[in-house]
Amino acid sequence: MRYTLLFSIVLLILVASSCSKNKYSSTPVLKFKSVNTTQLFNHELLIFTLSFTDGSPNFGTSDSSVFVQEIVPSCSQSGFTAYYALPSFPVKKNTSGDIIITYGYNLSNYSSISPQCQQNDTATFRFVLRDLNKHASDTVSSPPIILYYQ
């Protein structure tokens, strides 16, 4: 009886480990990791870090991209949408990594961001990752970011 129970436990462990599913999906999975600040002042950078996984990645040309949307409910002149092409990088099955998106508030050499309604803006940013096969991740959002009017 004792050996039957031990054998059953070992068999159960072997079956469970052999039936484990691939942890990566064929559709990109995007997660919001961090933002460097939630209060942005003039001449500062806003840096978003996102992480992604993909079981069958197909990235690396202008058709694979990150969609970014800024939403500012209190200002109809503010807010934008943009697509950013992913740079070419070696991909293999079950790829994961980080994506960093940077904006500059009145800083050259960066995509520009600033309040548009002559007052402080509180913005939320949404992100979607799309691969060459047109598979899109779920939308992830940032916490509210205050853009201080200067």
N, C-alpha and C. Protein backbone atom coordinates (compact mmCIF):
# COMPACT_ATOMS: atom_id res chain seq x y z
N MET A 1 0.82 -1.19 0.00
CA MET A 1 0.00 0.00 0.00
C MET A 1 0.86 1.25 0.00
N ARG A 2 1.91 1.21 0.82
CA ARG A 2 2.79 2.36 0.93
C ARG A 2 3.44 2.65 -0.43
N TYR A 3 3.90 1.60 -1.13
CA TYR A 3 4.56 1.79 -2.43
C TYR A 3 3.56 2.23 -3.50
N THR A 4 2.32 1.79 -3.38
CA THR A 4 1.30 2.21 -4.33
C THR A 4 1.04 3.71 -4.20
N LEU A 5 0.97 4.22 -3.00
CA LEU A 5 0.77 5.63 -2.77
C LEU A 5 1.96 6.43 -3.26
N LEU A 6 3.16 5.98 -2.98
CA LEU A 6 4.37 6.66 -3.45
C LEU A 6 4.43 6.66 -4.97
N PHE A 7 4.12 5.50 -5.58
CA PHE A 7 4.12 5.39 -7.03
C PHE A 7 3.07 6.33 -7.64
N SER A 8 1.92 6.45 -7.02
CA SER A 8 0.85 7.33 -7.51
C SER A 8 1.27 8.79 -7.47
N ILE A 9 1.93 9.17 -6.39
CA ILE A 9 2.40 10.56 -6.27
C ILE A 9 3.45 10.86 -7.32
N VAL A 10 4.41 9.96 -7.52
CA VAL A 10 5.44 10.17 -8.54
C VAL A 10 4.81 10.24 -9.93
N LEU A 11 3.87 9.36 -10.21
CA LEU A 11 3.19 9.34 -11.51
C LEU A 11 2.41 10.64 -11.72
N LEU A 12 1.74 11.12 -10.70
CA LEU A 12 1.00 12.37 -10.78
C LEU A 12 1.93 13.55 -11.08
N ILE A 13 3.07 13.60 -10.45
CA ILE A 13 4.05 14.67 -10.70
C ILE A 13 4.56 14.60 -12.13
N LEU A 14 4.86 13.41 -12.62
CA LEU A 14 5.35 13.26 -13.99
C LEU A 14 4.29 13.68 -15.01
N VAL A 15 3.05 13.30 -14.79
CA VAL A 15 1.98 13.68 -15.70
C VAL A 15 1.76 15.19 -15.68
N ALA A 16 1.76 15.77 -14.51
CA ALA A 16 1.56 17.22 -14.41
C ALA A 16 2.67 17.98 -15.10
N SER A 17 3.91 17.56 -14.95
CA SER A 17 5.02 18.28 -15.58
C SER A 17 5.03 18.08 -17.09
N SER A 18 4.60 16.93 -17.59
CA SER A 18 4.59 16.71 -19.04
C SER A 18 3.42 17.41 -19.70
N CYS A 19 2.38 17.75 -18.96
CA CYS A 19 1.21 18.41 -19.53
C CYS A 19 1.28 19.93 -19.37
N SER A 20 2.37 20.45 -18.88
CA SER A 20 2.45 21.90 -18.69
C SER A 20 2.39 22.59 -20.03
N LYS A 21 1.61 23.65 -20.07
CA LYS A 21 1.42 24.38 -21.32
C LYS A 21 2.57 25.35 -21.53
N ASN A 22 2.77 25.69 -22.80
CA ASN A 22 3.76 26.71 -23.14
C ASN A 22 3.31 28.02 -22.50
N LYS A 23 4.19 28.68 -21.80
CA LYS A 23 3.78 29.90 -21.10
C LYS A 23 3.66 31.09 -22.03
N TYR A 24 4.08 30.96 -23.28
CA TYR A 24 3.99 32.04 -24.25
C TYR A 24 2.90 31.76 -25.26
N SER A 25 2.09 32.75 -25.53
CA SER A 25 1.01 32.66 -26.50
C SER A 25 1.52 33.09 -27.88
N SER A 26 0.80 32.72 -28.95
CA SER A 26 1.18 33.18 -30.29
C SER A 26 0.76 34.63 -30.51
N THR A 27 -0.08 35.15 -29.64
CA THR A 27 -0.44 36.57 -29.66
C THR A 27 0.46 37.29 -28.66
N PRO A 28 1.00 38.45 -29.03
CA PRO A 28 1.86 39.17 -28.08
C PRO A 28 1.12 39.50 -26.78
N VAL A 29 1.82 39.38 -25.68
CA VAL A 29 1.29 39.76 -24.38
C VAL A 29 2.10 40.95 -23.90
N LEU A 30 1.43 42.04 -23.62
CA LEU A 30 2.08 43.28 -23.20
C LEU A 30 1.69 43.59 -21.77
N LYS A 31 2.66 44.00 -20.96
CA LYS A 31 2.41 44.38 -19.57
C LYS A 31 3.05 45.73 -19.30
N PHE A 32 2.34 46.55 -18.54
CA PHE A 32 2.90 47.83 -18.12
C PHE A 32 3.81 47.56 -16.93
N LYS A 33 5.08 47.96 -17.06
CA LYS A 33 6.05 47.72 -15.99
C LYS A 33 6.22 48.93 -15.09
N SER A 34 6.53 50.08 -15.71
CA SER A 34 6.80 51.26 -14.88
C SER A 34 6.79 52.53 -15.71
N VAL A 35 6.73 53.63 -14.98
CA VAL A 35 6.93 54.97 -15.56
C VAL A 35 7.83 55.70 -14.58
N ASN A 36 8.74 56.51 -15.12
CA ASN A 36 9.73 57.14 -14.24
C ASN A 36 9.15 58.23 -13.34
N THR A 37 8.01 58.82 -13.71
CA THR A 37 7.41 59.86 -12.88
C THR A 37 5.92 59.94 -13.17
N THR A 38 5.16 60.43 -12.22
CA THR A 38 3.74 60.70 -12.47
C THR A 38 3.47 62.20 -12.43
N GLN A 39 4.55 63.00 -12.33
CA GLN A 39 4.45 64.45 -12.37
C GLN A 39 5.55 64.97 -13.28
N LEU A 40 5.17 65.46 -14.46
CA LEU A 40 6.13 65.87 -15.46
C LEU A 40 6.19 67.39 -15.56
N PHE A 41 7.39 67.93 -15.41
CA PHE A 41 7.62 69.37 -15.50
C PHE A 41 8.40 69.68 -16.77
N ASN A 42 8.42 70.96 -17.13
CA ASN A 42 9.15 71.44 -18.30
C ASN A 42 10.60 70.96 -18.28
N HIS A 43 11.11 70.53 -19.44
CA HIS A 43 12.49 70.06 -19.64
C HIS A 43 12.79 68.75 -18.91
N GLU A 44 11.77 67.91 -18.75
CA GLU A 44 11.97 66.59 -18.15
C GLU A 44 11.56 65.51 -19.14
N LEU A 45 12.01 64.29 -18.85
CA LEU A 45 11.66 63.13 -19.67
C LEU A 45 10.57 62.31 -19.01
N LEU A 46 9.72 61.73 -19.84
CA LEU A 46 8.70 60.78 -19.39
C LEU A 46 9.07 59.45 -20.03
N ILE A 47 9.41 58.45 -19.22
CA ILE A 47 9.91 57.18 -19.73
C ILE A 47 9.01 56.04 -19.26
N PHE A 48 8.37 55.38 -20.23
CA PHE A 48 7.53 54.22 -19.96
C PHE A 48 8.33 52.96 -20.24
N THR A 49 8.21 51.97 -19.37
CA THR A 49 8.81 50.66 -19.61
C THR A 49 7.68 49.63 -19.65
N LEU A 50 7.62 48.91 -20.75
CA LEU A 50 6.63 47.86 -20.96
C LEU A 50 7.38 46.54 -21.14
N SER A 51 6.80 45.44 -20.75
CA SER A 51 7.41 44.14 -21.03
C SER A 51 6.48 43.38 -21.96
N PHE A 52 7.08 42.49 -22.77
CA PHE A 52 6.27 41.71 -23.68
C PHE A 52 6.77 40.27 -23.73
N THR A 53 5.87 39.38 -24.10
CA THR A 53 6.21 37.99 -24.41
C THR A 53 5.46 37.62 -25.68
N ASP A 54 6.03 36.69 -26.44
CA ASP A 54 5.37 36.20 -27.65
C ASP A 54 5.91 34.82 -27.97
N GLY A 55 5.02 33.86 -28.14
CA GLY A 55 5.42 32.48 -28.40
C GLY A 55 5.91 32.25 -29.81
N SER A 56 5.38 33.00 -30.76
CA SER A 56 5.84 32.89 -32.16
C SER A 56 6.04 34.29 -32.70
N PRO A 57 7.10 34.96 -32.25
CA PRO A 57 7.28 36.37 -32.58
C PRO A 57 7.52 36.60 -34.06
N ASN A 58 7.00 37.71 -34.50
CA ASN A 58 7.19 38.14 -35.88
C ASN A 58 7.29 39.66 -35.85
N PHE A 59 8.42 40.15 -35.40
CA PHE A 59 8.65 41.58 -35.25
C PHE A 59 9.79 42.02 -36.16
N GLY A 60 9.97 43.33 -36.25
CA GLY A 60 11.19 43.81 -36.86
C GLY A 60 11.07 44.64 -38.11
N THR A 61 9.86 44.96 -38.56
CA THR A 61 9.71 45.89 -39.67
C THR A 61 8.68 46.93 -39.28
N SER A 62 8.42 47.84 -40.21
CA SER A 62 7.50 48.93 -39.89
C SER A 62 6.07 48.44 -39.65
N ASP A 63 5.74 47.21 -40.07
CA ASP A 63 4.40 46.70 -39.82
C ASP A 63 4.21 46.16 -38.41
N SER A 64 5.29 45.91 -37.69
CA SER A 64 5.16 45.54 -36.28
C SER A 64 5.39 46.81 -35.48
N SER A 65 4.48 47.10 -34.56
CA SER A 65 4.55 48.41 -33.92
C SER A 65 3.92 48.41 -32.54
N VAL A 66 4.18 49.50 -31.86
CA VAL A 66 3.53 49.79 -30.58
C VAL A 66 2.61 50.99 -30.83
N PHE A 67 1.35 50.82 -30.52
CA PHE A 67 0.38 51.90 -30.63
C PHE A 67 0.33 52.59 -29.27
N VAL A 68 0.40 53.93 -29.29
CA VAL A 68 0.33 54.72 -28.05
C VAL A 68 -0.79 55.74 -28.20
N GLN A 69 -1.60 55.86 -27.16
CA GLN A 69 -2.67 56.85 -27.15
C GLN A 69 -2.60 57.62 -25.84
N GLU A 70 -2.56 58.94 -25.96
CA GLU A 70 -2.64 59.80 -24.77
C GLU A 70 -4.09 60.24 -24.64
N ILE A 71 -4.64 60.09 -23.46
CA ILE A 71 -6.02 60.49 -23.19
C ILE A 71 -6.01 61.56 -22.10
N VAL A 72 -6.59 62.73 -22.43
CA VAL A 72 -6.69 63.83 -21.48
C VAL A 72 -8.16 64.26 -21.43
N PRO A 73 -8.93 63.71 -20.51
CA PRO A 73 -10.37 63.99 -20.49
C PRO A 73 -10.74 65.46 -20.30
N SER A 74 -9.90 66.22 -19.62
CA SER A 74 -10.26 67.61 -19.31
C SER A 74 -9.86 68.61 -20.40
N CYS A 75 -9.31 68.14 -21.53
CA CYS A 75 -8.84 69.07 -22.55
C CYS A 75 -9.06 68.47 -23.94
N SER A 76 -10.00 69.03 -24.69
CA SER A 76 -10.31 68.47 -26.00
C SER A 76 -9.20 68.71 -27.03
N GLN A 77 -8.32 69.72 -26.82
CA GLN A 77 -7.21 69.96 -27.76
C GLN A 77 -6.01 69.07 -27.48
N SER A 78 -6.03 68.38 -26.38
CA SER A 78 -4.89 67.56 -25.99
C SER A 78 -5.16 66.10 -26.32
N GLY A 79 -4.12 65.31 -26.26
CA GLY A 79 -4.24 63.89 -26.55
C GLY A 79 -3.74 63.62 -27.95
N PHE A 80 -3.22 62.43 -28.16
CA PHE A 80 -2.71 62.05 -29.46
C PHE A 80 -2.71 60.53 -29.59
N THR A 81 -2.53 60.07 -30.80
CA THR A 81 -2.28 58.67 -31.07
C THR A 81 -1.05 58.59 -31.95
N ALA A 82 -0.26 57.55 -31.74
CA ALA A 82 0.97 57.38 -32.53
C ALA A 82 1.30 55.91 -32.63
N TYR A 83 1.96 55.55 -33.73
CA TYR A 83 2.49 54.21 -33.93
C TYR A 83 4.00 54.31 -33.98
N TYR A 84 4.68 53.45 -33.24
CA TYR A 84 6.14 53.43 -33.24
C TYR A 84 6.60 52.06 -33.72
N ALA A 85 7.35 52.05 -34.82
CA ALA A 85 7.87 50.80 -35.37
C ALA A 85 8.90 50.21 -34.41
N LEU A 86 8.88 48.92 -34.29
CA LEU A 86 9.88 48.25 -33.47
C LEU A 86 11.17 48.11 -34.28
N PRO A 87 12.30 48.31 -33.65
CA PRO A 87 13.55 48.11 -34.38
C PRO A 87 13.77 46.62 -34.65
N SER A 88 14.57 46.33 -35.66
CA SER A 88 14.90 44.93 -35.94
C SER A 88 15.74 44.37 -34.81
N PHE A 89 15.42 43.15 -34.42
CA PHE A 89 16.21 42.45 -33.40
C PHE A 89 16.05 40.96 -33.63
N PRO A 90 17.04 40.18 -33.24
CA PRO A 90 16.93 38.74 -33.46
C PRO A 90 15.79 38.16 -32.61
N VAL A 91 14.93 37.41 -33.26
CA VAL A 91 13.82 36.81 -32.54
C VAL A 91 13.90 35.30 -32.64
N LYS A 92 13.44 34.67 -31.60
CA LYS A 92 13.35 33.22 -31.58
C LYS A 92 12.04 32.86 -30.91
N LYS A 93 11.67 31.64 -31.01
CA LYS A 93 10.42 31.20 -30.39
C LYS A 93 10.47 31.51 -28.90
N ASN A 94 9.33 31.88 -28.36
CA ASN A 94 9.22 32.22 -26.94
C ASN A 94 10.13 33.39 -26.57
N THR A 95 9.90 34.52 -27.22
CA THR A 95 10.69 35.72 -27.00
C THR A 95 10.03 36.60 -25.94
N SER A 96 10.86 37.22 -25.12
CA SER A 96 10.38 38.21 -24.15
C SER A 96 11.38 39.35 -24.09
N GLY A 97 10.92 40.49 -23.64
CA GLY A 97 11.82 41.63 -23.53
C GLY A 97 11.09 42.85 -23.01
N ASP A 98 11.80 43.96 -23.03
CA ASP A 98 11.26 45.23 -22.58
C ASP A 98 11.19 46.20 -23.75
N ILE A 99 10.19 47.06 -23.72
CA ILE A 99 10.04 48.15 -24.68
C ILE A 99 10.06 49.43 -23.88
N ILE A 100 10.90 50.38 -24.29
CA ILE A 100 11.01 51.66 -23.59
C ILE A 100 10.54 52.75 -24.55
N ILE A 101 9.58 53.54 -24.09
CA ILE A 101 9.04 54.65 -24.88
C ILE A 101 9.31 55.93 -24.10
N THR A 102 9.95 56.89 -24.76
CA THR A 102 10.39 58.11 -24.08
C THR A 102 9.81 59.34 -24.77
N TYR A 103 9.30 60.27 -23.97
CA TYR A 103 8.82 61.57 -24.44
C TYR A 103 9.58 62.66 -23.70
N GLY A 104 9.79 63.79 -24.37
CA GLY A 104 10.44 64.93 -23.75
C GLY A 104 9.49 66.11 -23.69
N TYR A 105 9.45 66.77 -22.57
CA TYR A 105 8.65 67.98 -22.40
C TYR A 105 9.56 69.15 -22.73
N ASN A 106 9.41 69.69 -23.94
CA ASN A 106 10.25 70.78 -24.47
C ASN A 106 11.73 70.40 -24.50
N LEU A 107 12.01 69.18 -24.91
CA LEU A 107 13.38 68.70 -25.08
C LEU A 107 13.55 68.23 -26.52
N SER A 108 14.59 68.71 -27.18
CA SER A 108 14.84 68.26 -28.55
C SER A 108 15.34 66.81 -28.52
N ASN A 109 15.27 66.15 -29.66
CA ASN A 109 15.70 64.77 -29.85
C ASN A 109 14.77 63.75 -29.21
N TYR A 110 13.61 64.16 -28.74
CA TYR A 110 12.62 63.24 -28.18
C TYR A 110 11.26 63.57 -28.76
N SER A 111 10.39 62.58 -28.82
CA SER A 111 9.00 62.86 -29.19
C SER A 111 8.46 63.83 -28.15
N SER A 112 7.80 64.87 -28.63
CA SER A 112 7.39 65.97 -27.76
C SER A 112 6.06 65.69 -27.08
N ILE A 113 5.98 66.15 -25.85
CA ILE A 113 4.74 66.07 -25.09
C ILE A 113 4.67 67.31 -24.20
N SER A 114 3.48 67.92 -24.11
CA SER A 114 3.28 69.08 -23.24
C SER A 114 1.78 69.33 -23.10
N PRO A 115 1.37 70.07 -22.06
CA PRO A 115 -0.04 70.40 -21.90
C PRO A 115 -0.49 71.31 -23.06
N GLN A 116 -1.72 71.13 -23.52
CA GLN A 116 -2.21 71.89 -24.66
C GLN A 116 -3.33 72.88 -24.33
N CYS A 117 -3.82 72.92 -23.12
CA CYS A 117 -4.97 73.76 -22.78
C CYS A 117 -4.64 74.89 -21.81
N GLN A 118 -3.40 75.32 -21.81
CA GLN A 118 -2.98 76.45 -20.95
C GLN A 118 -3.27 76.17 -19.48
N GLN A 119 -3.20 74.91 -19.10
CA GLN A 119 -3.37 74.49 -17.71
C GLN A 119 -2.71 73.12 -17.55
N ASN A 120 -2.60 72.67 -16.32
CA ASN A 120 -2.06 71.33 -16.09
C ASN A 120 -2.98 70.29 -16.74
N ASP A 121 -2.38 69.31 -17.39
CA ASP A 121 -3.13 68.19 -17.96
C ASP A 121 -2.89 66.95 -17.11
N THR A 122 -3.93 66.18 -16.89
CA THR A 122 -3.77 64.86 -16.29
C THR A 122 -4.08 63.86 -17.39
N ALA A 123 -3.06 63.12 -17.80
CA ALA A 123 -3.17 62.22 -18.94
C ALA A 123 -2.97 60.77 -18.51
N THR A 124 -3.62 59.89 -19.24
CA THR A 124 -3.40 58.46 -19.13
C THR A 124 -2.93 57.99 -20.49
N PHE A 125 -1.98 57.08 -20.51
CA PHE A 125 -1.44 56.56 -21.77
C PHE A 125 -1.83 55.10 -21.90
N ARG A 126 -2.27 54.74 -23.12
CA ARG A 126 -2.63 53.35 -23.41
C ARG A 126 -1.68 52.82 -24.48
N PHE A 127 -1.36 51.53 -24.38
CA PHE A 127 -0.38 50.90 -25.27
C PHE A 127 -0.92 49.56 -25.78
N VAL A 128 -0.63 49.28 -27.07
CA VAL A 128 -0.95 47.99 -27.69
C VAL A 128 0.23 47.59 -28.55
N LEU A 129 0.62 46.32 -28.49
CA LEU A 129 1.71 45.79 -29.31
C LEU A 129 1.11 44.93 -30.42
N ARG A 130 1.57 45.17 -31.66
CA ARG A 130 1.08 44.40 -32.81
C ARG A 130 2.25 43.80 -33.57
N ASP A 131 2.14 42.52 -33.95
CA ASP A 131 3.20 41.88 -34.71
C ASP A 131 2.87 41.89 -36.21
N LEU A 132 3.76 41.33 -37.02
CA LEU A 132 3.57 41.34 -38.47
C LEU A 132 2.35 40.55 -38.93
N ASN A 133 1.93 39.58 -38.12
CA ASN A 133 0.76 38.79 -38.46
C ASN A 133 -0.54 39.47 -38.05
N LYS A 134 -0.44 40.73 -37.63
CA LYS A 134 -1.58 41.54 -37.18
C LYS A 134 -2.20 41.03 -35.88
N HIS A 135 -1.44 40.22 -35.12
CA HIS A 135 -1.88 39.82 -33.79
C HIS A 135 -1.61 40.99 -32.86
N ALA A 136 -2.61 41.38 -32.10
CA ALA A 136 -2.47 42.52 -31.19
C ALA A 136 -2.62 42.07 -29.75
N SER A 137 -1.82 42.66 -28.89
CA SER A 137 -1.90 42.39 -27.46
C SER A 137 -3.13 43.06 -26.88
N ASP A 138 -3.43 42.73 -25.65
CA ASP A 138 -4.43 43.49 -24.92
C ASP A 138 -3.88 44.88 -24.66
N THR A 139 -4.77 45.83 -24.42
CA THR A 139 -4.37 47.21 -24.13
C THR A 139 -3.94 47.30 -22.67
N VAL A 140 -2.81 47.96 -22.45
CA VAL A 140 -2.37 48.25 -21.08
C VAL A 140 -2.33 49.76 -20.90
N SER A 141 -2.52 50.21 -19.67
CA SER A 141 -2.60 51.64 -19.39
C SER A 141 -1.61 52.06 -18.32
N SER A 142 -1.21 53.31 -18.40
CA SER A 142 -0.34 53.91 -17.38
C SER A 142 -1.20 54.45 -16.26
N PRO A 143 -0.58 54.74 -15.14
CA PRO A 143 -1.31 55.50 -14.12
C PRO A 143 -1.48 56.94 -14.63
N PRO A 144 -2.34 57.73 -14.00
CA PRO A 144 -2.47 59.13 -14.42
C PRO A 144 -1.14 59.88 -14.26
N ILE A 145 -0.82 60.69 -15.28
CA ILE A 145 0.41 61.49 -15.29
C ILE A 145 0.01 62.95 -15.36
N ILE A 146 0.50 63.77 -14.45
CA ILE A 146 0.22 65.20 -14.47
C ILE A 146 1.31 65.90 -15.28
N LEU A 147 0.89 66.60 -16.35
CA LEU A 147 1.80 67.41 -17.15
C LEU A 147 1.60 68.86 -16.69
N TYR A 148 2.60 69.40 -16.03
CA TYR A 148 2.46 70.73 -15.44
C TYR A 148 2.68 71.81 -16.50
N TYR A 149 1.72 72.73 -16.55
CA TYR A 149 1.79 73.84 -17.48
C TYR A 149 2.81 74.86 -16.98
N GLN A 150 3.72 75.28 -17.87
CA GLN A 150 4.75 76.25 -17.47
C GLN A 150 4.66 77.49 -18.34
